[in-house]
Amino acid sequence: MRVIRDAAFAYAEGGFVTVVDGIVGPWMINHFVPTENSQNVPAVHYVVLRPGRTETLQRAQGRTAPEALVEAEPIDVMWSQFEDLGDYEGHVIDSTDQSPSKTGSAVWNAVLSRDFLLPPRSS
């Protein structure tokens, strides 16, 4: 995770809008939150796309790539891990009924609002 963070921060510091797209649960946030003493570190937003459980399973089982994860049990386990994000619940966008373009707009608006920023952690 440190390598991914360092690469993302380097691109952001170079002036690029940088998105880390993947499964990043609250248990991994500490890898991405800069310390108060960090210099030249960009603002870090944490946005979780969380469609409803049924929609998540339907989308996953609609995948056609040869190695795609389509089995219900591991998908359900992953969904459950994001069901209650505690302090990060306010970072969730429910994308159940959204098209990909509408979801993209929702993410962009979330970033622009600055409501999804992660505060720096103490050094």
PDB file of N, CA and C in Angstrom:
ATOM      1  N   MET A   1       0.827  -1.198   0.000  1.00  0.00           N
ATOM      2  CA  MET A   1       0.000   0.000   0.000  1.00  0.00           C
ATOM      3  C   MET A   1       0.871   1.262   0.000  1.00  0.00           C
ATOM      4  N   ARG A   2       2.036   1.171   0.655  1.00  0.00           N
ATOM      5  CA  ARG A   2       2.923   2.332   0.687  1.00  0.00           C
ATOM      6  C   ARG A   2       3.375   2.709  -0.726  1.00  0.00           C
ATOM      7  N   VAL A   3       3.651   1.723  -1.551  1.00  0.00           N
ATOM      8  CA  VAL A   3       4.091   1.977  -2.927  1.00  0.00           C
ATOM      9  C   VAL A   3       2.978   2.661  -3.721  1.00  0.00           C
ATOM     10  N   ILE A   4       1.763   2.181  -3.559  1.00  0.00           N
ATOM     11  CA  ILE A   4       0.617   2.789  -4.252  1.00  0.00           C
ATOM     12  C   ILE A   4       0.445   4.233  -3.781  1.00  0.00           C
ATOM     13  N   ARG A   5       0.504   4.437  -2.471  1.00  0.00           N
ATOM     14  CA  ARG A   5       0.385   5.784  -1.923  1.00  0.00           C
ATOM     15  C   ARG A   5       1.480   6.700  -2.459  1.00  0.00           C
ATOM     16  N   ASP A   6       2.714   6.235  -2.419  1.00  0.00           N
ATOM     17  CA  ASP A   6       3.825   7.072  -2.871  1.00  0.00           C
ATOM     18  C   ASP A   6       3.685   7.443  -4.337  1.00  0.00           C
ATOM     19  N   ALA A   7       3.253   6.497  -5.158  1.00  0.00           N
ATOM     20  CA  ALA A   7       3.050   6.788  -6.585  1.00  0.00           C
ATOM     21  C   ALA A   7       1.915   7.794  -6.770  1.00  0.00           C
ATOM     22  N   ALA A   8       0.816   7.594  -6.063  1.00  0.00           N
ATOM     23  CA  ALA A   8      -0.323   8.512  -6.174  1.00  0.00           C
ATOM     24  C   ALA A   8       0.068   9.909  -5.716  1.00  0.00           C
ATOM     25  N   PHE A   9       0.774  10.014  -4.592  1.00  0.00           N
ATOM     26  CA  PHE A   9       1.200  11.323  -4.092  1.00  0.00           C
ATOM     27  C   PHE A   9       2.159  11.988  -5.076  1.00  0.00           C
ATOM     28  N   ALA A  10       3.059  11.215  -5.680  1.00  0.00           N
ATOM     29  CA  ALA A  10       4.013  11.794  -6.639  1.00  0.00           C
ATOM     30  C   ALA A  10       3.282  12.381  -7.840  1.00  0.00           C
ATOM     31  N   TYR A  11       2.304  11.667  -8.369  1.00  0.00           N
ATOM     32  CA  TYR A  11       1.520  12.209  -9.490  1.00  0.00           C
ATOM     33  C   TYR A  11       0.759  13.466  -9.069  1.00  0.00           C
ATOM     34  N   ALA A  12       0.142  13.410  -7.881  1.00  0.00           N
ATOM     35  CA  ALA A  12      -0.622  14.564  -7.402  1.00  0.00           C
ATOM     36  C   ALA A  12       0.291  15.770  -7.190  1.00  0.00           C
ATOM     37  N   GLU A  13       1.458  15.540  -6.628  1.00  0.00           N
ATOM     38  CA  GLU A  13       2.404  16.630  -6.419  1.00  0.00           C
ATOM     39  C   GLU A  13       2.873  17.212  -7.751  1.00  0.00           C
ATOM     40  N   GLY A  14       2.829  16.398  -8.814  1.00  0.00           N
ATOM     41  CA  GLY A  14       3.182  16.859 -10.149  1.00  0.00           C
ATOM     42  C   GLY A  14       2.056  17.606 -10.840  1.00  0.00           C
ATOM     43  N   GLY A  15       0.926  17.778 -10.144  1.00  0.00           N
ATOM     44  CA  GLY A  15      -0.178  18.551 -10.692  1.00  0.00           C
ATOM     45  C   GLY A  15      -1.275  17.722 -11.336  1.00  0.00           C
ATOM     46  N   PHE A  16      -1.184  16.412 -11.241  1.00  0.00           N
ATOM     47  CA  PHE A  16      -2.199  15.544 -11.832  1.00  0.00           C
ATOM     48  C   PHE A  16      -3.298  15.237 -10.819  1.00  0.00           C
ATOM     49  N   VAL A  17      -4.540  15.222 -11.287  1.00  0.00           N
ATOM     50  CA  VAL A  17      -5.628  14.712 -10.459  1.00  0.00           C
ATOM     51  C   VAL A  17      -5.423  13.207 -10.418  1.00  0.00           C
ATOM     52  N   THR A  18      -5.307  12.665  -9.237  1.00  0.00           N
ATOM     53  CA  THR A  18      -4.926  11.269  -9.073  1.00  0.00           C
ATOM     54  C   THR A  18      -5.991  10.521  -8.285  1.00  0.00           C
ATOM     55  N   VAL A  19      -6.388   9.377  -8.804  1.00  0.00           N
ATOM     56  CA  VAL A  19      -7.398   8.550  -8.150  1.00  0.00           C
ATOM     57  C   VAL A  19      -6.820   7.163  -7.916  1.00  0.00           C
ATOM     58  N   VAL A  20      -6.918   6.688  -6.695  1.00  0.00           N
ATOM     59  CA  VAL A  20      -6.579   5.302  -6.391  1.00  0.00           C
ATOM     60  C   VAL A  20      -7.901   4.560  -6.395  1.00  0.00           C
ATOM     61  N   ASP A  21      -8.071   3.704  -7.377  1.00  0.00           N
ATOM     62  CA  ASP A  21      -9.320   2.960  -7.550  1.00  0.00           C
ATOM     63  C   ASP A  21      -9.084   1.529  -7.107  1.00  0.00           C
ATOM     64  N   GLY A  22      -9.795   1.119  -6.100  1.00  0.00           N
ATOM     65  CA  GLY A  22      -9.636  -0.239  -5.609  1.00  0.00           C
ATOM     66  C   GLY A  22     -10.428  -0.427  -4.343  1.00  0.00           C
ATOM     67  N   ILE A  23     -10.198  -1.541  -3.713  1.00  0.00           N
ATOM     68  CA  ILE A  23     -10.883  -1.839  -2.460  1.00  0.00           C
ATOM     69  C   ILE A  23      -9.995  -1.333  -1.339  1.00  0.00           C
ATOM     70  N   VAL A  24     -10.375  -0.169  -0.812  1.00  0.00           N
ATOM     71  CA  VAL A  24      -9.600   0.477   0.254  1.00  0.00           C
ATOM     72  C   VAL A  24     -10.545   0.694   1.432  1.00  0.00           C
ATOM     73  N   GLY A  25     -10.512  -0.232   2.352  1.00  0.00           N
ATOM     74  CA  GLY A  25     -11.363  -0.126   3.528  1.00  0.00           C
ATOM     75  C   GLY A  25     -10.748   0.776   4.572  1.00  0.00           C
ATOM     76  N   PRO A  26     -11.513   1.146   5.587  1.00  0.00           N
ATOM     77  CA  PRO A  26     -10.993   2.012   6.644  1.00  0.00           C
ATOM     78  C   PRO A  26      -9.754   1.437   7.324  1.00  0.00           C
ATOM     79  N   TRP A  27      -9.615   0.124   7.302  1.00  0.00           N
ATOM     80  CA  TRP A  27      -8.461  -0.519   7.915  1.00  0.00           C
ATOM     81  C   TRP A  27      -7.174  -0.230   7.131  1.00  0.00           C
ATOM     82  N   MET A  28      -7.280   0.387   5.933  1.00  0.00           N
ATOM     83  CA  MET A  28      -6.108   0.735   5.128  1.00  0.00           C
ATOM     84  C   MET A  28      -5.892   2.246   5.015  1.00  0.00           C
ATOM     85  N   ILE A  29      -6.781   3.025   5.568  1.00  0.00           N
ATOM     86  CA  ILE A  29      -6.727   4.479   5.418  1.00  0.00           C
ATOM     87  C   ILE A  29      -5.408   5.051   5.927  1.00  0.00           C
ATOM     88  N   ASN A  30      -4.884   4.484   6.992  1.00  0.00           N
ATOM     89  CA  ASN A  30      -3.649   5.035   7.563  1.00  0.00           C
ATOM     90  C   ASN A  30      -2.512   5.079   6.543  1.00  0.00           C
ATOM     91  N   HIS A  31      -2.550   4.249   5.523  1.00  0.00           N
ATOM     92  CA  HIS A  31      -1.514   4.265   4.486  1.00  0.00           C
ATOM     93  C   HIS A  31      -1.606   5.501   3.599  1.00  0.00           C
ATOM     94  N   PHE A  32      -2.764   6.129   3.554  1.00  0.00           N
ATOM     95  CA  PHE A  32      -2.988   7.237   2.630  1.00  0.00           C
ATOM     96  C   PHE A  32      -3.082   8.600   3.298  1.00  0.00           C
ATOM     97  N   VAL A  33      -3.205   8.628   4.604  1.00  0.00           N
ATOM     98  CA  VAL A  33      -3.370   9.901   5.307  1.00  0.00           C
ATOM     99  C   VAL A  33      -1.995  10.489   5.595  1.00  0.00           C
ATOM    100  N   PRO A  34      -1.744  11.687   5.079  1.00  0.00           N
ATOM    101  CA  PRO A  34      -0.458  12.324   5.375  1.00  0.00           C
ATOM    102  C   PRO A  34      -0.390  12.748   6.835  1.00  0.00           C
ATOM    103  N   THR A  35       0.819  12.924   7.324  1.00  0.00           N
ATOM    104  CA  THR A  35       0.974  13.419   8.686  1.00  0.00           C
ATOM    105  C   THR A  35       0.906  14.943   8.665  1.00  0.00           C
ATOM    106  N   GLU A  36       0.738  15.520   9.835  1.00  0.00           N
ATOM    107  CA  GLU A  36       0.677  16.978   9.941  1.00  0.00           C
ATOM    108  C   GLU A  36       1.978  17.619   9.478  1.00  0.00           C
ATOM    109  N   ASN A  37       3.079  16.894   9.574  1.00  0.00           N
ATOM    110  CA  ASN A  37       4.389  17.435   9.216  1.00  0.00           C
ATOM    111  C   ASN A  37       4.769  17.181   7.757  1.00  0.00           C
ATOM    112  N   SER A  38       3.927  16.485   7.010  1.00  0.00           N
ATOM    113  CA  SER A  38       4.228  16.211   5.605  1.00  0.00           C
ATOM    114  C   SER A  38       4.214  17.506   4.815  1.00  0.00           C
ATOM    115  N   GLN A  39       5.149  17.609   3.886  1.00  0.00           N
ATOM    116  CA  GLN A  39       5.205  18.792   3.036  1.00  0.00           C
ATOM    117  C   GLN A  39       4.839  18.399   1.617  1.00  0.00           C
ATOM    118  N   ASN A  40       4.181  19.298   0.915  1.00  0.00           N
ATOM    119  CA  ASN A  40       3.815  19.101  -0.491  1.00  0.00           C
ATOM    120  C   ASN A  40       2.913  17.900  -0.715  1.00  0.00           C
ATOM    121  N   VAL A  41       2.198  17.474   0.303  1.00  0.00           N
ATOM    122  CA  VAL A  41       1.283  16.345   0.142  1.00  0.00           C
ATOM    123  C   VAL A  41      -0.087  16.900  -0.202  1.00  0.00           C
ATOM    124  N   PRO A  42      -0.701  16.345  -1.241  1.00  0.00           N
ATOM    125  CA  PRO A  42      -2.004  16.853  -1.674  1.00  0.00           C
ATOM    126  C   PRO A  42      -3.117  16.503  -0.682  1.00  0.00           C
ATOM    127  N   ALA A  43      -4.236  17.155  -0.861  1.00  0.00           N
ATOM    128  CA  ALA A  43      -5.427  16.807  -0.085  1.00  0.00           C
ATOM    129  C   ALA A  43      -5.842  15.391  -0.471  1.00  0.00           C
ATOM    130  N   VAL A  44      -6.242  14.610   0.503  1.00  0.00           N
ATOM    131  CA  VAL A  44      -6.660  13.235   0.251  1.00  0.00           C
ATOM    132  C   VAL A  44      -8.150  13.123   0.560  1.00  0.00           C
ATOM    133  N   HIS A  45      -8.902  12.725  -0.446  1.00  0.00           N
ATOM    134  CA  HIS A  45     -10.337  12.503  -0.305  1.00  0.00           C
ATOM    135  C   HIS A  45     -10.561  10.994  -0.231  1.00  0.00           C
ATOM    136  N   TYR A  46     -11.519  10.574   0.571  1.00  0.00           N
ATOM    137  CA  TYR A  46     -11.874   9.158   0.670  1.00  0.00           C
ATOM    138  C   TYR A  46     -13.337   9.038   0.291  1.00  0.00           C
ATOM    139  N   VAL A  47     -13.587   8.397  -0.849  1.00  0.00           N
ATOM    140  CA  VAL A  47     -14.949   8.221  -1.354  1.00  0.00           C
ATOM    141  C   VAL A  47     -15.189   6.726  -1.533  1.00  0.00           C
ATOM    142  N   VAL A  48     -16.243   6.228  -0.922  1.00  0.00           N
ATOM    143  CA  VAL A  48     -16.607   4.820  -1.035  1.00  0.00           C
ATOM    144  C   VAL A  48     -17.884   4.717  -1.859  1.00  0.00           C
ATOM    145  N   LEU A  49     -17.806   4.006  -2.971  1.00  0.00           N
ATOM    146  CA  LEU A  49     -19.002   3.730  -3.774  1.00  0.00           C
ATOM    147  C   LEU A  49     -19.609   2.449  -3.222  1.00  0.00           C
ATOM    148  N   ARG A  50     -20.846   2.546  -2.747  1.00  0.00           N
ATOM    149  CA  ARG A  50     -21.476   1.385  -2.125  1.00  0.00           C
ATOM    150  C   ARG A  50     -22.911   1.230  -2.616  1.00  0.00           C
ATOM    151  N   PRO A  51     -23.071   0.502  -3.716  1.00  0.00           N
ATOM    152  CA  PRO A  51     -24.442   0.162  -4.106  1.00  0.00           C
ATOM    153  C   PRO A  51     -25.011  -0.832  -3.099  1.00  0.00           C
ATOM    154  N   GLY A  52     -26.299  -1.004  -3.112  1.00  0.00           N
ATOM    155  CA  GLY A  52     -26.928  -1.972  -2.214  1.00  0.00           C
ATOM    156  C   GLY A  52     -26.399  -3.378  -2.444  1.00  0.00           C
ATOM    157  N   ARG A  53     -26.596  -4.230  -1.461  1.00  0.00           N
ATOM    158  CA  ARG A  53     -26.083  -5.604  -1.502  1.00  0.00           C
ATOM    159  C   ARG A  53     -26.564  -6.349  -2.749  1.00  0.00           C
ATOM    160  N   THR A  54     -27.854  -6.294  -3.048  1.00  0.00           N
ATOM    161  CA  THR A  54     -28.406  -7.015  -4.209  1.00  0.00           C
ATOM    162  C   THR A  54     -27.813  -6.487  -5.509  1.00  0.00           C
ATOM    163  N   GLU A  55     -27.740  -5.172  -5.634  1.00  0.00           N
ATOM    164  CA  GLU A  55     -27.174  -4.554  -6.841  1.00  0.00           C
ATOM    165  C   GLU A  55     -25.696  -4.908  -6.995  1.00  0.00           C
ATOM    166  N   THR A  56     -24.967  -4.925  -5.889  1.00  0.00           N
ATOM    167  CA  THR A  56     -23.551  -5.289  -5.935  1.00  0.00           C
ATOM    168  C   THR A  56     -23.381  -6.694  -6.491  1.00  0.00           C
ATOM    169  N   LEU A  57     -24.171  -7.626  -6.002  1.00  0.00           N
ATOM    170  CA  LEU A  57     -24.084  -9.006  -6.480  1.00  0.00           C
ATOM    171  C   LEU A  57     -24.466  -9.103  -7.956  1.00  0.00           C
ATOM    172  N   GLN A  58     -25.525  -8.408  -8.356  1.00  0.00           N
ATOM    173  CA  GLN A  58     -25.939  -8.440  -9.765  1.00  0.00           C
ATOM    174  C   GLN A  58     -24.855  -7.891 -10.675  1.00  0.00           C
ATOM    175  N   ARG A  59     -24.230  -6.793 -10.281  1.00  0.00           N
ATOM    176  CA  ARG A  59     -23.157  -6.212 -11.099  1.00  0.00           C
ATOM    177  C   ARG A  59     -21.974  -7.167 -11.194  1.00  0.00           C
ATOM    178  N   ALA A  60     -21.616  -7.740 -10.066  1.00  0.00           N
ATOM    179  CA  ALA A  60     -20.466  -8.658 -10.056  1.00  0.00           C
ATOM    180  C   ALA A  60     -20.749  -9.880 -10.924  1.00  0.00           C
ATOM    181  N   GLN A  61     -21.936 -10.419 -10.820  1.00  0.00           N
ATOM    182  CA  GLN A  61     -22.252 -11.626 -11.592  1.00  0.00           C
ATOM    183  C   GLN A  61     -22.482 -11.330 -13.069  1.00  0.00           C
ATOM    184  N   GLY A  62     -22.556 -10.056 -13.416  1.00  0.00           N
ATOM    185  CA  GLY A  62     -22.662  -9.665 -14.818  1.00  0.00           C
ATOM    186  C   GLY A  62     -21.305  -9.523 -15.493  1.00  0.00           C
ATOM    187  N   ARG A  63     -20.236  -9.688 -14.745  1.00  0.00           N
ATOM    188  CA  ARG A  63     -18.892  -9.582 -15.311  1.00  0.00           C
ATOM    189  C   ARG A  63     -18.633 -10.764 -16.250  1.00  0.00           C
ATOM    190  N   THR A  64     -17.870 -10.480 -17.295  1.00  0.00           N
ATOM    191  CA  THR A  64     -17.619 -11.529 -18.291  1.00  0.00           C
ATOM    192  C   THR A  64     -16.139 -11.868 -18.478  1.00  0.00           C
ATOM    193  N   ALA A  65     -15.255 -11.148 -17.801  1.00  0.00           N
ATOM    194  CA  ALA A  65     -13.825 -11.448 -17.920  1.00  0.00           C
ATOM    195  C   ALA A  65     -13.564 -12.858 -17.393  1.00  0.00           C
ATOM    196  N   PRO A  66     -12.621 -13.569 -17.993  1.00  0.00           N
ATOM    197  CA  PRO A  66     -12.371 -14.964 -17.604  1.00  0.00           C
ATOM    198  C   PRO A  66     -12.075 -15.157 -16.117  1.00  0.00           C
ATOM    199  N   GLU A  67     -11.345 -14.261 -15.496  1.00  0.00           N
ATOM    200  CA  GLU A  67     -10.976 -14.412 -14.086  1.00  0.00           C
ATOM    201  C   GLU A  67     -11.846 -13.567 -13.147  1.00  0.00           C
ATOM    202  N   ALA A  68     -12.953 -13.060 -13.639  1.00  0.00           N
ATOM    203  CA  ALA A  68     -13.807 -12.173 -12.837  1.00  0.00           C
ATOM    204  C   ALA A  68     -14.380 -12.904 -11.625  1.00  0.00           C
ATOM    205  N   LEU A  69     -14.415 -12.203 -10.522  1.00  0.00           N
ATOM    206  CA  LEU A  69     -15.030 -12.736  -9.312  1.00  0.00           C
ATOM    207  C   LEU A  69     -16.540 -12.606  -9.461  1.00  0.00           C
ATOM    208  N   VAL A  70     -17.230 -13.730  -9.536  1.00  0.00           N
ATOM    209  CA  VAL A  70     -18.681 -13.725  -9.701  1.00  0.00           C
ATOM    210  C   VAL A  70     -19.395 -14.579  -8.650  1.00  0.00           C
ATOM    211  N   GLU A  71     -18.631 -15.263  -7.802  1.00  0.00           N
ATOM    212  CA  GLU A  71     -19.244 -16.126  -6.795  1.00  0.00           C
ATOM    213  C   GLU A  71     -19.881 -15.271  -5.697  1.00  0.00           C
ATOM    214  N   ALA A  72     -21.070 -15.650  -5.301  1.00  0.00           N
ATOM    215  CA  ALA A  72     -21.855 -14.852  -4.356  1.00  0.00           C
ATOM    216  C   ALA A  72     -21.202 -14.715  -2.985  1.00  0.00           C
ATOM    217  N   GLU A  73     -20.659 -15.787  -2.448  1.00  0.00           N
ATOM    218  CA  GLU A  73     -20.164 -15.745  -1.064  1.00  0.00           C
ATOM    219  C   GLU A  73     -19.038 -14.729  -0.852  1.00  0.00           C
ATOM    220  N   PRO A  74     -17.952 -14.736  -1.626  1.00  0.00           N
ATOM    221  CA  PRO A  74     -16.911 -13.728  -1.363  1.00  0.00           C
ATOM    222  C   PRO A  74     -17.371 -12.301  -1.645  1.00  0.00           C
ATOM    223  N   ILE A  75     -18.266 -12.136  -2.591  1.00  0.00           N
ATOM    224  CA  ILE A  75     -18.805 -10.804  -2.879  1.00  0.00           C
ATOM    225  C   ILE A  75     -19.606 -10.316  -1.678  1.00  0.00           C
ATOM    226  N   ASP A  76     -20.410 -11.194  -1.109  1.00  0.00           N
ATOM    227  CA  ASP A  76     -21.213 -10.838   0.057  1.00  0.00           C
ATOM    228  C   ASP A  76     -20.323 -10.513   1.258  1.00  0.00           C
ATOM    229  N   VAL A  77     -19.251 -11.273   1.435  1.00  0.00           N
ATOM    230  CA  VAL A  77     -18.321 -11.012   2.539  1.00  0.00           C
ATOM    231  C   VAL A  77     -17.690  -9.630   2.376  1.00  0.00           C
ATOM    232  N   MET A  78     -17.246  -9.304   1.160  1.00  0.00           N
ATOM    233  CA  MET A  78     -16.649  -7.986   0.928  1.00  0.00           C
ATOM    234  C   MET A  78     -17.663  -6.872   1.164  1.00  0.00           C
ATOM    235  N   TRP A  79     -18.894  -7.083   0.664  1.00  0.00           N
ATOM    236  CA  TRP A  79     -19.919  -6.056   0.855  1.00  0.00           C
ATOM    237  C   TRP A  79     -20.144  -5.824   2.351  1.00  0.00           C
ATOM    238  N   SER A  80     -20.200  -6.913   3.121  1.00  0.00           N
ATOM    239  CA  SER A  80     -20.422  -6.800   4.565  1.00  0.00           C
ATOM    240  C   SER A  80     -19.320  -5.998   5.252  1.00  0.00           C
ATOM    241  N   GLN A  81     -18.097  -6.090   4.749  1.00  0.00           N
ATOM    242  CA  GLN A  81     -16.982  -5.343   5.341  1.00  0.00           C
ATOM    243  C   GLN A  81     -17.151  -3.833   5.162  1.00  0.00           C
ATOM    244  N   PHE A  82     -17.957  -3.430   4.184  1.00  0.00           N
ATOM    245  CA  PHE A  82     -18.194  -2.016   3.932  1.00  0.00           C
ATOM    246  C   PHE A  82     -19.589  -1.570   4.361  1.00  0.00           C
ATOM    247  N   GLU A  83     -20.334  -2.470   4.996  1.00  0.00           N
ATOM    248  CA  GLU A  83     -21.708  -2.170   5.377  1.00  0.00           C
ATOM    249  C   GLU A  83     -21.798  -1.058   6.415  1.00  0.00           C
ATOM    250  N   ASP A  84     -20.904  -1.063   7.376  1.00  0.00           N
ATOM    251  CA  ASP A  84     -20.889  -0.034   8.415  1.00  0.00           C
ATOM    252  C   ASP A  84     -19.454   0.463   8.550  1.00  0.00           C
ATOM    253  N   LEU A  85     -19.194   1.653   8.040  1.00  0.00           N
ATOM    254  CA  LEU A  85     -17.838   2.200   8.036  1.00  0.00           C
ATOM    255  C   LEU A  85     -17.554   3.095   9.233  1.00  0.00           C
ATOM    256  N   GLY A  86     -18.457   3.099  10.198  1.00  0.00           N
ATOM    257  CA  GLY A  86     -18.218   3.871  11.407  1.00  0.00           C
ATOM    258  C   GLY A  86     -17.977   5.345  11.101  1.00  0.00           C
ATOM    259  N   ASP A  87     -16.827   5.851  11.531  1.00  0.00           N
ATOM    260  CA  ASP A  87     -16.483   7.260  11.334  1.00  0.00           C
ATOM    261  C   ASP A  87     -16.432   7.655   9.860  1.00  0.00           C
ATOM    262  N   TYR A  88     -16.286   6.683   8.970  1.00  0.00           N
ATOM    263  CA  TYR A  88     -16.179   6.971   7.533  1.00  0.00           C
ATOM    264  C   TYR A  88     -17.507   6.800   6.788  1.00  0.00           C
ATOM    265  N   GLU A  89     -18.580   6.575   7.512  1.00  0.00           N
ATOM    266  CA  GLU A  89     -19.883   6.382   6.874  1.00  0.00           C
ATOM    267  C   GLU A  89     -20.284   7.598   6.039  1.00  0.00           C
ATOM    268  N   GLY A  90     -19.866   8.770   6.434  1.00  0.00           N
ATOM    269  CA  GLY A  90     -20.157   9.989   5.682  1.00  0.00           C
ATOM    270  C   GLY A  90     -19.390  10.087   4.373  1.00  0.00           C
ATOM    271  N   HIS A  91     -18.512   9.134   4.107  1.00  0.00           N
ATOM    272  CA  HIS A  91     -17.718   9.112   2.876  1.00  0.00           C
ATOM    273  C   HIS A  91     -18.330   8.185   1.825  1.00  0.00           C
ATOM    274  N   VAL A  92     -19.545   7.723   2.079  1.00  0.00           N
ATOM    275  CA  VAL A  92     -20.209   6.763   1.195  1.00  0.00           C
ATOM    276  C   VAL A  92     -21.118   7.477   0.194  1.00  0.00           C
ATOM    277  N   ILE A  93     -21.056   7.022  -1.043  1.00  0.00           N
ATOM    278  CA  ILE A  93     -22.022   7.411  -2.070  1.00  0.00           C
ATOM    279  C   ILE A  93     -22.779   6.141  -2.440  1.00  0.00           C
ATOM    280  N   ASP A  94     -24.081   6.167  -2.281  1.00  0.00           N
ATOM    281  CA  ASP A  94     -24.920   5.032  -2.672  1.00  0.00           C
ATOM    282  C   ASP A  94     -25.124   5.112  -4.181  1.00  0.00           C
ATOM    283  N   SER A  95     -24.487   4.213  -4.903  1.00  0.00           N
ATOM    284  CA  SER A  95     -24.554   4.233  -6.365  1.00  0.00           C
ATOM    285  C   SER A  95     -25.521   3.192  -6.922  1.00  0.00           C
ATOM    286  N   THR A  96     -26.418   2.706  -6.081  1.00  0.00           N
ATOM    287  CA  THR A  96     -27.337   1.645  -6.486  1.00  0.00           C
ATOM    288  C   THR A  96     -28.070   1.972  -7.783  1.00  0.00           C
ATOM    289  N   ASP A  97     -28.667   3.134  -7.851  1.00  0.00           N
ATOM    290  CA  ASP A  97     -29.499   3.492  -9.002  1.00  0.00           C
ATOM    291  C   ASP A  97     -28.805   4.457  -9.961  1.00  0.00           C
ATOM    292  N   GLN A  98     -27.492   4.536  -9.892  1.00  0.00           N
ATOM    293  CA  GLN A  98     -26.773   5.489 -10.731  1.00  0.00           C
ATOM    294  C   GLN A  98     -26.108   4.812 -11.926  1.00  0.00           C
ATOM    295  N   SER A  99     -26.142   5.513 -13.047  1.00  0.00           N
ATOM    296  CA  SER A  99     -25.370   5.079 -14.208  1.00  0.00           C
ATOM    297  C   SER A  99     -23.901   5.371 -13.914  1.00  0.00           C
ATOM    298  N   PRO A 100     -22.977   4.771 -14.664  1.00  0.00           N
ATOM    299  CA  PRO A 100     -21.561   5.094 -14.452  1.00  0.00           C
ATOM    300  C   PRO A 100     -21.266   6.597 -14.571  1.00  0.00           C
ATOM    301  N   SER A 101     -21.885   7.275 -15.534  1.00  0.00           N
ATOM    302  CA  SER A 101     -21.605   8.709 -15.678  1.00  0.00           C
ATOM    303  C   SER A 101     -22.167   9.503 -14.495  1.00  0.00           C
ATOM    304  N   LYS A 102     -23.320   9.108 -13.996  1.00  0.00           N
ATOM    305  CA  LYS A 102     -23.892   9.794 -12.832  1.00  0.00           C
ATOM    306  C   LYS A 102     -23.031   9.532 -11.592  1.00  0.00           C
ATOM    307  N   THR A 103     -22.509   8.334 -11.470  1.00  0.00           N
ATOM    308  CA  THR A 103     -21.611   8.028 -10.350  1.00  0.00           C
ATOM    309  C   THR A 103     -20.342   8.854 -10.456  1.00  0.00           C
ATOM    310  N   GLY A 104     -19.793   8.959 -11.661  1.00  0.00           N
ATOM    311  CA  GLY A 104     -18.605   9.788 -11.866  1.00  0.00           C
ATOM    312  C   GLY A 104     -18.851  11.227 -11.463  1.00  0.00           C
ATOM    313  N   SER A 105     -20.008  11.754 -11.829  1.00  0.00           N
ATOM    314  CA  SER A 105     -20.371  13.125 -11.443  1.00  0.00           C
ATOM    315  C   SER A 105     -20.512  13.254  -9.931  1.00  0.00           C
ATOM    316  N   ALA A 106     -21.084  12.240  -9.303  1.00  0.00           N
ATOM    317  CA  ALA A 106     -21.250  12.273  -7.843  1.00  0.00           C
ATOM    318  C   ALA A 106     -19.891  12.289  -7.143  1.00  0.00           C
ATOM    319  N   VAL A 107     -18.945  11.512  -7.667  1.00  0.00           N
ATOM    320  CA  VAL A 107     -17.601  11.494  -7.085  1.00  0.00           C
ATOM    321  C   VAL A 107     -16.938  12.854  -7.280  1.00  0.00           C
ATOM    322  N   TRP A 108     -17.037  13.390  -8.492  1.00  0.00           N
ATOM    323  CA  TRP A 108     -16.434  14.692  -8.761  1.00  0.00           C
ATOM    324  C   TRP A 108     -17.022  15.770  -7.844  1.00  0.00           C
ATOM    325  N   ASN A 109     -18.339  15.760  -7.673  1.00  0.00           N
ATOM    326  CA  ASN A 109     -18.994  16.730  -6.789  1.00  0.00           C
ATOM    327  C   ASN A 109     -18.568  16.535  -5.332  1.00  0.00           C
ATOM    328  N   ALA A 110     -18.368  15.276  -4.939  1.00  0.00           N
ATOM    329  CA  ALA A 110     -17.906  15.003  -3.575  1.00  0.00           C
ATOM    330  C   ALA A 110     -16.520  15.607  -3.352  1.00  0.00           C
ATOM    331  N   VAL A 111     -15.654  15.458  -4.326  1.00  0.00           N
ATOM    332  CA  VAL A 111     -14.313  16.017  -4.214  1.00  0.00           C
ATOM    333  C   VAL A 111     -14.377  17.545  -4.182  1.00  0.00           C
ATOM    334  N   LEU A 112     -15.166  18.115  -5.080  1.00  0.00           N
ATOM    335  CA  LEU A 112     -15.285  19.576  -5.113  1.00  0.00           C
ATOM    336  C   LEU A 112     -15.843  20.133  -3.807  1.00  0.00           C
ATOM    337  N   SER A 113     -16.740  19.391  -3.174  1.00  0.00           N
ATOM    338  CA  SER A 113     -17.352  19.856  -1.921  1.00  0.00           C
ATOM    339  C   SER A 113     -16.352  19.876  -0.762  1.00  0.00           C
ATOM    340  N   ARG A 114     -15.288  19.089  -0.890  1.00  0.00           N
ATOM    341  CA  ARG A 114     -14.269  18.933   0.148  1.00  0.00           C
ATOM    342  C   ARG A 114     -14.839  18.280   1.415  1.00  0.00           C
ATOM    343  N   ASP A 115     -16.036  17.702   1.319  1.00  0.00           N
ATOM    344  CA  ASP A 115     -16.664  17.028   2.456  1.00  0.00           C
ATOM    345  C   ASP A 115     -16.082  15.638   2.704  1.00  0.00           C
ATOM    346  N   PHE A 116     -15.306  15.127   1.753  1.00  0.00           N
ATOM    347  CA  PHE A 116     -14.784  13.771   1.843  1.00  0.00           C
ATOM    348  C   PHE A 116     -13.286  13.763   2.147  1.00  0.00           C
ATOM    349  N   LEU A 117     -12.752  14.911   2.550  1.00  0.00           N
ATOM    350  CA  LEU A 117     -11.333  15.014   2.881  1.00  0.00           C
ATOM    351  C   LEU A 117     -10.997  14.227   4.128  1.00  0.00           C
ATOM    352  N   LEU A 118      -9.812  13.639   4.133  1.00  0.00           N
ATOM    353  CA  LEU A 118      -9.298  12.983   5.331  1.00  0.00           C
ATOM    354  C   LEU A 118      -8.403  13.983   6.062  1.00  0.00           C
ATOM    355  N   PRO A 119      -8.604  14.135   7.362  1.00  0.00           N
ATOM    356  CA  PRO A 119      -7.725  15.048   8.108  1.00  0.00           C
ATOM    357  C   PRO A 119      -6.341  14.425   8.263  1.00  0.00           C
ATOM    358  N   PRO A 120      -5.305  15.251   8.352  1.00  0.00           N
ATOM    359  CA  PRO A 120      -3.962  14.697   8.570  1.00  0.00           C
ATOM    360  C   PRO A 120      -3.891  14.032   9.936  1.00  0.00           C
ATOM    361  N   ARG A 121      -3.048  13.019  10.027  1.00  0.00           N
ATOM    362  CA  ARG A 121      -2.873  12.344  11.315  1.00  0.00           C
ATOM    363  C   ARG A 121      -1.669  12.959  12.029  1.00  0.00           C
ATOM    364  N   SER A 122      -1.644  12.806  13.317  1.00  0.00           N
ATOM    365  CA  SER A 122      -0.523  13.319  14.096  1.00  0.00           C
ATOM    366  C   SER A 122       0.726  12.519  13.757  1.00  0.00           C
ATOM    367  N   SER A 123       1.867  13.185  13.774  1.00  0.00           N
ATOM    368  CA  SER A 123       3.137  12.500  13.470  1.00  0.00           C
ATOM    369  C   SER A 123       3.549  11.607  14.595  1.00  0.00           C
TER     370      SER A 123
END
